[in-house]
Amino acid sequence: MDNKDDKRRQLIHAMLAQPGDPDDAEGHLRPWRALAVHLIPLIGDSGFGALYGRTGRLLAPQFGWLSPRPSTQTLDALFQTLKEDLAGADPAQAALANEALLGTFTRLLSDLIGAALTTRLIDTAWNDARTQENAGEQK
C-alpha cells in the first residue's frame, strides 16, 4: 500500500466523519454527490454508473442486502437505491457498507486514472462540498 492509498482512505474517513446524524441515509449520500459533481465532467454519467455498478458487484458477497445496481440507471436512481438500502439496514452495517463502497469505488477509479489524480479529485470534491455546507450554515 502506498501513501496515496493512505491519503485516499483518510479523505474517505474525513468525509464520513462530517457533522450530522450518522444514521441519516441522506448523510451517507453526501460524499457520493460530491464525487459525482467532479467526476461526471471527466468520465460522464455512464462512466460513473459503470464504476458504481462494478463497486456494487464486488461488494455484493459481503453486503448481500445492497440492491444490485444496473449501470444504465440514472445517478438519481442509483443514489435513491443506495439511500433506501442504507436506510433499511442496521446503522452500523449501513456505515460499514457505505465506507466499503466509497473505498472500493475510489480504488477502482484510482486503477483507471491513477492514484495521484484520484486523490486530488477526491480532495477537491470533498473540500468543495464542505465549503458549500459552511456557506449554507452562515446564511
N, C-alpha and C. Protein backbone atom coordinates (compact mmCIF):
# COMPACT_ATOMS: atom_id res chain seq x y z
N MET A 1 0.85 -1.17 0.00
CA MET A 1 0.00 0.00 0.00
C MET A 1 0.90 1.24 0.00
N ASP A 2 0.56 2.22 -0.86
CA ASP A 2 1.41 3.40 -0.87
C ASP A 2 0.72 4.57 -0.17
N ASN A 3 1.44 5.68 -0.08
CA ASN A 3 0.93 6.84 0.65
C ASN A 3 -0.34 7.41 0.05
N LYS A 4 -0.49 7.30 -1.27
CA LYS A 4 -1.69 7.82 -1.92
C LYS A 4 -2.92 7.01 -1.51
N ASP A 5 -2.77 5.69 -1.32
CA ASP A 5 -3.88 4.88 -0.82
C ASP A 5 -4.25 5.31 0.60
N ASP A 6 -3.24 5.58 1.42
CA ASP A 6 -3.49 6.05 2.78
C ASP A 6 -4.21 7.40 2.75
N LYS A 7 -3.76 8.30 1.90
CA LYS A 7 -4.39 9.62 1.78
C LYS A 7 -5.84 9.48 1.33
N ARG A 8 -6.09 8.61 0.36
CA ARG A 8 -7.45 8.38 -0.13
C ARG A 8 -8.33 7.87 1.00
N ARG A 9 -7.84 6.93 1.77
CA ARG A 9 -8.61 6.40 2.91
C ARG A 9 -8.85 7.48 3.97
N GLN A 10 -7.86 8.32 4.22
CA GLN A 10 -8.03 9.41 5.18
C GLN A 10 -9.11 10.39 4.71
N LEU A 11 -9.13 10.67 3.42
CA LEU A 11 -10.15 11.56 2.88
C LEU A 11 -11.55 10.96 3.03
N ILE A 12 -11.66 9.66 2.78
CA ILE A 12 -12.95 8.99 2.95
C ILE A 12 -13.39 9.07 4.40
N HIS A 13 -12.50 8.78 5.33
CA HIS A 13 -12.84 8.85 6.76
C HIS A 13 -13.24 10.26 7.16
N ALA A 14 -12.53 11.25 6.64
CA ALA A 14 -12.84 12.64 6.98
C ALA A 14 -14.23 13.03 6.48
N MET A 15 -14.55 12.63 5.27
CA MET A 15 -15.86 12.98 4.73
C MET A 15 -16.97 12.26 5.47
N LEU A 16 -16.76 11.01 5.81
CA LEU A 16 -17.78 10.26 6.53
C LEU A 16 -17.94 10.74 7.97
N ALA A 17 -16.93 11.42 8.48
CA ALA A 17 -16.98 11.93 9.85
C ALA A 17 -17.59 13.33 9.94
N GLN A 18 -18.13 13.82 8.83
CA GLN A 18 -18.73 15.15 8.83
C GLN A 18 -19.87 15.20 9.84
N PRO A 19 -20.11 16.39 10.42
CA PRO A 19 -21.19 16.51 11.39
C PRO A 19 -22.53 16.13 10.78
N GLY A 20 -23.40 15.66 11.62
CA GLY A 20 -24.73 15.24 11.18
C GLY A 20 -25.07 13.91 11.81
N ASP A 21 -26.28 13.50 11.62
CA ASP A 21 -26.76 12.25 12.17
C ASP A 21 -26.15 11.09 11.39
N PRO A 22 -25.34 10.25 12.05
CA PRO A 22 -24.70 9.15 11.34
C PRO A 22 -25.71 8.13 10.82
N ASP A 23 -26.94 8.13 11.36
CA ASP A 23 -27.97 7.21 10.91
C ASP A 23 -28.79 7.78 9.76
N ASP A 24 -28.51 9.01 9.37
CA ASP A 24 -29.25 9.68 8.31
C ASP A 24 -28.78 9.17 6.95
N ALA A 25 -29.68 8.51 6.23
CA ALA A 25 -29.31 7.94 4.93
C ALA A 25 -28.90 9.03 3.95
N GLU A 26 -29.50 10.20 4.03
CA GLU A 26 -29.11 11.29 3.13
C GLU A 26 -27.67 11.72 3.41
N GLY A 27 -27.26 11.68 4.67
CA GLY A 27 -25.88 12.00 5.02
C GLY A 27 -24.89 11.04 4.40
N HIS A 28 -25.31 9.78 4.23
CA HIS A 28 -24.44 8.80 3.58
C HIS A 28 -24.20 9.17 2.12
N LEU A 29 -25.13 9.89 1.52
CA LEU A 29 -25.01 10.24 0.10
C LEU A 29 -24.15 11.46 -0.15
N ARG A 30 -23.86 12.23 0.88
CA ARG A 30 -23.07 13.46 0.72
C ARG A 30 -21.76 13.23 -0.04
N PRO A 31 -20.95 12.22 0.34
CA PRO A 31 -19.71 12.00 -0.41
C PRO A 31 -19.96 11.58 -1.85
N TRP A 32 -21.01 10.80 -2.06
CA TRP A 32 -21.32 10.34 -3.42
C TRP A 32 -21.70 11.50 -4.32
N ARG A 33 -22.52 12.40 -3.80
CA ARG A 33 -22.95 13.56 -4.59
C ARG A 33 -21.75 14.47 -4.90
N ALA A 34 -20.88 14.65 -3.93
CA ALA A 34 -19.69 15.48 -4.15
C ALA A 34 -18.78 14.85 -5.21
N LEU A 35 -18.61 13.55 -5.13
CA LEU A 35 -17.80 12.86 -6.14
C LEU A 35 -18.42 13.00 -7.53
N ALA A 36 -19.71 12.81 -7.61
CA ALA A 36 -20.40 12.86 -8.90
C ALA A 36 -20.22 14.22 -9.57
N VAL A 37 -20.33 15.29 -8.79
CA VAL A 37 -20.19 16.65 -9.35
C VAL A 37 -18.84 16.81 -10.04
N HIS A 38 -17.80 16.26 -9.46
CA HIS A 38 -16.46 16.44 -10.00
C HIS A 38 -16.06 15.38 -11.03
N LEU A 39 -16.64 14.20 -10.93
CA LEU A 39 -16.24 13.13 -11.84
C LEU A 39 -17.03 13.09 -13.14
N ILE A 40 -18.29 13.45 -13.09
CA ILE A 40 -19.12 13.34 -14.28
C ILE A 40 -18.59 14.17 -15.45
N PRO A 41 -18.07 15.37 -15.22
CA PRO A 41 -17.50 16.08 -16.37
C PRO A 41 -16.29 15.35 -16.98
N LEU A 42 -15.65 14.51 -16.22
CA LEU A 42 -14.47 13.78 -16.71
C LEU A 42 -14.80 12.42 -17.31
N ILE A 43 -15.69 11.68 -16.66
CA ILE A 43 -15.96 10.31 -17.11
C ILE A 43 -17.39 10.11 -17.57
N GLY A 44 -18.22 11.11 -17.43
CA GLY A 44 -19.60 11.03 -17.89
C GLY A 44 -20.49 10.27 -16.92
N ASP A 45 -21.81 10.41 -17.14
CA ASP A 45 -22.78 9.69 -16.32
C ASP A 45 -22.59 8.18 -16.45
N SER A 46 -22.39 7.73 -17.68
CA SER A 46 -22.26 6.28 -17.89
C SER A 46 -20.97 5.74 -17.27
N GLY A 47 -19.90 6.52 -17.29
CA GLY A 47 -18.66 6.09 -16.65
C GLY A 47 -18.81 5.99 -15.15
N PHE A 48 -19.47 7.00 -14.57
CA PHE A 48 -19.72 6.98 -13.13
C PHE A 48 -20.60 5.78 -12.78
N GLY A 49 -21.67 5.59 -13.58
CA GLY A 49 -22.58 4.47 -13.34
C GLY A 49 -21.90 3.12 -13.46
N ALA A 50 -21.01 3.01 -14.44
CA ALA A 50 -20.29 1.74 -14.63
C ALA A 50 -19.37 1.45 -13.44
N LEU A 51 -18.65 2.45 -12.97
CA LEU A 51 -17.79 2.26 -11.79
C LEU A 51 -18.62 1.91 -10.55
N TYR A 52 -19.73 2.61 -10.41
CA TYR A 52 -20.61 2.39 -9.27
C TYR A 52 -21.20 0.97 -9.32
N GLY A 53 -21.62 0.56 -10.51
CA GLY A 53 -22.16 -0.79 -10.66
C GLY A 53 -21.12 -1.86 -10.36
N ARG A 54 -19.91 -1.65 -10.84
CA ARG A 54 -18.82 -2.60 -10.57
C ARG A 54 -18.52 -2.67 -9.08
N THR A 55 -18.55 -1.53 -8.44
CA THR A 55 -18.33 -1.48 -6.99
C THR A 55 -19.36 -2.33 -6.27
N GLY A 56 -20.62 -2.16 -6.63
CA GLY A 56 -21.68 -2.94 -6.00
C GLY A 56 -21.54 -4.44 -6.23
N ARG A 57 -21.14 -4.81 -7.45
CA ARG A 57 -20.96 -6.23 -7.74
C ARG A 57 -19.81 -6.83 -6.93
N LEU A 58 -18.74 -6.06 -6.75
CA LEU A 58 -17.61 -6.55 -5.97
C LEU A 58 -17.97 -6.74 -4.50
N LEU A 59 -18.85 -5.90 -3.99
CA LEU A 59 -19.19 -5.96 -2.57
C LEU A 59 -20.45 -6.76 -2.27
N ALA A 60 -21.12 -7.24 -3.31
CA ALA A 60 -22.36 -8.00 -3.12
C ALA A 60 -22.19 -9.20 -2.18
N PRO A 61 -21.09 -9.96 -2.28
CA PRO A 61 -20.96 -11.09 -1.35
C PRO A 61 -20.86 -10.66 0.12
N GLN A 62 -20.27 -9.52 0.35
CA GLN A 62 -20.09 -9.04 1.73
C GLN A 62 -21.34 -8.36 2.27
N PHE A 63 -22.07 -7.66 1.40
CA PHE A 63 -23.26 -6.92 1.81
C PHE A 63 -24.42 -7.33 0.90
N GLY A 64 -24.91 -8.53 1.11
CA GLY A 64 -25.95 -9.09 0.25
C GLY A 64 -27.25 -8.30 0.26
N TRP A 65 -27.45 -7.46 1.25
CA TRP A 65 -28.68 -6.67 1.34
C TRP A 65 -28.66 -5.43 0.45
N LEU A 66 -27.49 -5.11 -0.13
CA LEU A 66 -27.44 -3.99 -1.07
C LEU A 66 -28.09 -4.42 -2.39
N SER A 67 -28.93 -3.56 -2.91
CA SER A 67 -29.62 -3.86 -4.17
C SER A 67 -28.63 -3.83 -5.32
N PRO A 68 -28.82 -4.74 -6.30
CA PRO A 68 -27.96 -4.68 -7.48
C PRO A 68 -28.19 -3.37 -8.22
N ARG A 69 -27.13 -2.86 -8.82
CA ARG A 69 -27.20 -1.57 -9.50
C ARG A 69 -26.87 -1.71 -10.97
N PRO A 70 -27.88 -1.73 -11.82
CA PRO A 70 -27.55 -1.71 -13.24
C PRO A 70 -26.86 -0.40 -13.59
N SER A 71 -25.79 -0.48 -14.33
CA SER A 71 -25.01 0.73 -14.62
C SER A 71 -25.74 1.66 -15.58
N THR A 72 -26.88 1.24 -16.11
CA THR A 72 -27.63 2.10 -17.03
C THR A 72 -28.62 3.00 -16.31
N GLN A 73 -28.76 2.86 -15.00
CA GLN A 73 -29.66 3.73 -14.24
C GLN A 73 -29.11 5.15 -14.21
N THR A 74 -30.01 6.11 -14.03
CA THR A 74 -29.57 7.49 -13.83
C THR A 74 -28.90 7.59 -12.47
N LEU A 75 -28.10 8.64 -12.30
CA LEU A 75 -27.45 8.82 -11.00
C LEU A 75 -28.48 9.01 -9.90
N ASP A 76 -29.54 9.75 -10.19
CA ASP A 76 -30.58 9.93 -9.17
C ASP A 76 -31.16 8.59 -8.74
N ALA A 77 -31.39 7.70 -9.70
CA ALA A 77 -31.92 6.38 -9.37
C ALA A 77 -30.90 5.56 -8.57
N LEU A 78 -29.63 5.64 -8.97
CA LEU A 78 -28.58 4.92 -8.24
C LEU A 78 -28.51 5.40 -6.79
N PHE A 79 -28.51 6.72 -6.62
CA PHE A 79 -28.41 7.28 -5.27
C PHE A 79 -29.66 6.99 -4.45
N GLN A 80 -30.83 7.00 -5.09
CA GLN A 80 -32.07 6.69 -4.37
C GLN A 80 -32.05 5.25 -3.88
N THR A 81 -31.58 4.34 -4.72
CA THR A 81 -31.49 2.93 -4.32
C THR A 81 -30.51 2.77 -3.16
N LEU A 82 -29.37 3.44 -3.24
CA LEU A 82 -28.39 3.38 -2.15
C LEU A 82 -28.99 3.94 -0.87
N LYS A 83 -29.67 5.06 -0.99
CA LYS A 83 -30.28 5.69 0.19
C LYS A 83 -31.28 4.74 0.84
N GLU A 84 -32.12 4.10 0.04
CA GLU A 84 -33.10 3.16 0.58
C GLU A 84 -32.44 1.95 1.22
N ASP A 85 -31.40 1.44 0.57
CA ASP A 85 -30.68 0.29 1.14
C ASP A 85 -30.07 0.64 2.48
N LEU A 86 -29.41 1.78 2.54
CA LEU A 86 -28.74 2.19 3.79
C LEU A 86 -29.75 2.52 4.88
N ALA A 87 -30.88 3.13 4.50
CA ALA A 87 -31.90 3.47 5.49
C ALA A 87 -32.54 2.21 6.08
N GLY A 88 -32.60 1.13 5.30
CA GLY A 88 -33.21 -0.10 5.77
C GLY A 88 -32.28 -1.01 6.55
N ALA A 89 -31.02 -0.65 6.60
CA ALA A 89 -30.03 -1.50 7.27
C ALA A 89 -29.78 -1.03 8.70
N ASP A 90 -29.22 -1.90 9.47
CA ASP A 90 -28.73 -1.53 10.80
C ASP A 90 -27.74 -0.38 10.61
N PRO A 91 -27.82 0.68 11.43
CA PRO A 91 -26.95 1.85 11.23
C PRO A 91 -25.46 1.52 11.16
N ALA A 92 -25.00 0.61 11.99
CA ALA A 92 -23.57 0.25 11.96
C ALA A 92 -23.22 -0.45 10.66
N GLN A 93 -24.10 -1.34 10.20
CA GLN A 93 -23.87 -2.03 8.92
C GLN A 93 -23.95 -1.06 7.75
N ALA A 94 -24.87 -0.10 7.83
CA ALA A 94 -25.00 0.90 6.77
C ALA A 94 -23.73 1.73 6.66
N ALA A 95 -23.20 2.15 7.80
CA ALA A 95 -21.96 2.95 7.79
C ALA A 95 -20.80 2.13 7.25
N LEU A 96 -20.71 0.87 7.66
CA LEU A 96 -19.64 -0.01 7.19
C LEU A 96 -19.76 -0.24 5.68
N ALA A 97 -20.96 -0.48 5.21
CA ALA A 97 -21.17 -0.71 3.78
C ALA A 97 -20.84 0.53 2.97
N ASN A 98 -21.27 1.69 3.43
CA ASN A 98 -21.00 2.93 2.70
C ASN A 98 -19.51 3.20 2.62
N GLU A 99 -18.81 2.98 3.71
CA GLU A 99 -17.35 3.16 3.70
C GLU A 99 -16.69 2.18 2.73
N ALA A 100 -17.16 0.94 2.74
CA ALA A 100 -16.60 -0.06 1.82
C ALA A 100 -16.90 0.31 0.37
N LEU A 101 -18.11 0.79 0.11
CA LEU A 101 -18.47 1.22 -1.25
C LEU A 101 -17.59 2.36 -1.71
N LEU A 102 -17.43 3.36 -0.85
CA LEU A 102 -16.58 4.50 -1.22
C LEU A 102 -15.13 4.08 -1.44
N GLY A 103 -14.63 3.23 -0.56
CA GLY A 103 -13.26 2.76 -0.69
C GLY A 103 -13.04 1.97 -1.96
N THR A 104 -13.97 1.09 -2.29
CA THR A 104 -13.85 0.28 -3.50
C THR A 104 -14.00 1.15 -4.74
N PHE A 105 -14.98 2.05 -4.73
CA PHE A 105 -15.20 2.94 -5.87
C PHE A 105 -13.95 3.76 -6.15
N THR A 106 -13.38 4.36 -5.12
CA THR A 106 -12.21 5.21 -5.34
C THR A 106 -10.97 4.38 -5.70
N ARG A 107 -10.90 3.14 -5.22
CA ARG A 107 -9.79 2.26 -5.62
C ARG A 107 -9.90 1.92 -7.10
N LEU A 108 -11.11 1.60 -7.54
CA LEU A 108 -11.32 1.31 -8.97
C LEU A 108 -11.00 2.54 -9.82
N LEU A 109 -11.43 3.69 -9.35
CA LEU A 109 -11.14 4.94 -10.07
C LEU A 109 -9.62 5.15 -10.13
N SER A 110 -8.95 4.88 -9.04
CA SER A 110 -7.50 5.03 -8.98
C SER A 110 -6.81 4.08 -9.96
N ASP A 111 -7.35 2.88 -10.10
CA ASP A 111 -6.78 1.92 -11.06
C ASP A 111 -6.92 2.45 -12.48
N LEU A 112 -7.96 3.22 -12.74
CA LEU A 112 -8.21 3.73 -14.09
C LEU A 112 -7.42 5.00 -14.41
N ILE A 113 -7.42 5.94 -13.47
CA ILE A 113 -6.83 7.25 -13.79
C ILE A 113 -5.57 7.57 -12.99
N GLY A 114 -5.22 6.69 -12.09
CA GLY A 114 -4.01 6.89 -11.29
C GLY A 114 -4.34 7.38 -9.88
N ALA A 115 -3.47 7.01 -8.97
CA ALA A 115 -3.69 7.34 -7.56
C ALA A 115 -3.59 8.83 -7.29
N ALA A 116 -2.62 9.49 -7.90
CA ALA A 116 -2.43 10.93 -7.62
C ALA A 116 -3.63 11.74 -8.08
N LEU A 117 -4.12 11.48 -9.28
CA LEU A 117 -5.26 12.23 -9.80
C LEU A 117 -6.53 11.91 -9.00
N THR A 118 -6.72 10.64 -8.65
CA THR A 118 -7.88 10.26 -7.85
C THR A 118 -7.87 10.98 -6.50
N THR A 119 -6.74 10.98 -5.84
CA THR A 119 -6.63 11.65 -4.55
C THR A 119 -6.91 13.14 -4.67
N ARG A 120 -6.36 13.75 -5.71
CA ARG A 120 -6.59 15.18 -5.93
C ARG A 120 -8.07 15.47 -6.20
N LEU A 121 -8.72 14.62 -7.01
CA LEU A 121 -10.15 14.81 -7.31
C LEU A 121 -11.00 14.64 -6.06
N ILE A 122 -10.72 13.62 -5.27
CA ILE A 122 -11.48 13.39 -4.04
C ILE A 122 -11.31 14.57 -3.09
N ASP A 123 -10.08 15.00 -2.92
CA ASP A 123 -9.79 16.12 -2.03
C ASP A 123 -10.54 17.37 -2.48
N THR A 124 -10.50 17.67 -3.76
CA THR A 124 -11.19 18.85 -4.29
C THR A 124 -12.69 18.71 -4.12
N ALA A 125 -13.23 17.56 -4.48
CA ALA A 125 -14.68 17.34 -4.38
C ALA A 125 -15.17 17.52 -2.95
N TRP A 126 -14.48 16.93 -2.01
CA TRP A 126 -14.96 16.96 -0.65
C TRP A 126 -14.67 18.28 0.04
N ASN A 127 -13.58 18.95 -0.32
CA ASN A 127 -13.35 20.29 0.22
C ASN A 127 -14.38 21.26 -0.31
N ASP A 128 -14.74 21.14 -1.60
CA ASP A 128 -15.80 21.98 -2.16
C ASP A 128 -17.12 21.74 -1.46
N ALA A 129 -17.44 20.47 -1.18
CA ALA A 129 -18.69 20.14 -0.50
C ALA A 129 -18.72 20.75 0.89
N ARG A 130 -17.61 20.69 1.60
CA ARG A 130 -17.55 21.29 2.95
C ARG A 130 -17.68 22.80 2.88
N THR A 131 -17.05 23.41 1.88
CA THR A 131 -17.16 24.86 1.72
C THR A 131 -18.60 25.27 1.46
N GLN A 132 -19.31 24.53 0.62
CA GLN A 132 -20.70 24.83 0.33
C GLN A 132 -21.56 24.65 1.56
N GLU A 133 -21.32 23.61 2.34
CA GLU A 133 -22.08 23.40 3.57
C GLU A 133 -21.85 24.55 4.54
N ASN A 134 -20.60 24.96 4.69
CA ASN A 134 -20.28 26.06 5.60
C ASN A 134 -20.92 27.36 5.13
N ALA A 135 -20.93 27.60 3.82
CA ALA A 135 -21.57 28.80 3.28
C ALA A 135 -23.06 28.77 3.56
N GLY A 136 -23.68 27.60 3.44
CA GLY A 136 -25.11 27.47 3.72
C GLY A 136 -25.42 27.70 5.19
N GLU A 137 -24.53 27.31 6.07
CA GLU A 137 -24.75 27.49 7.50
C GLU A 137 -24.62 28.96 7.89
N GLN A 138 -23.82 29.72 7.17
CA GLN A 138 -23.58 31.13 7.51
C GLN A 138 -24.69 32.04 7.04
N LYS A 139 -25.55 31.56 6.13
CA LYS A 139 -26.64 32.41 5.61
C LYS A 139 -27.68 32.65 6.65
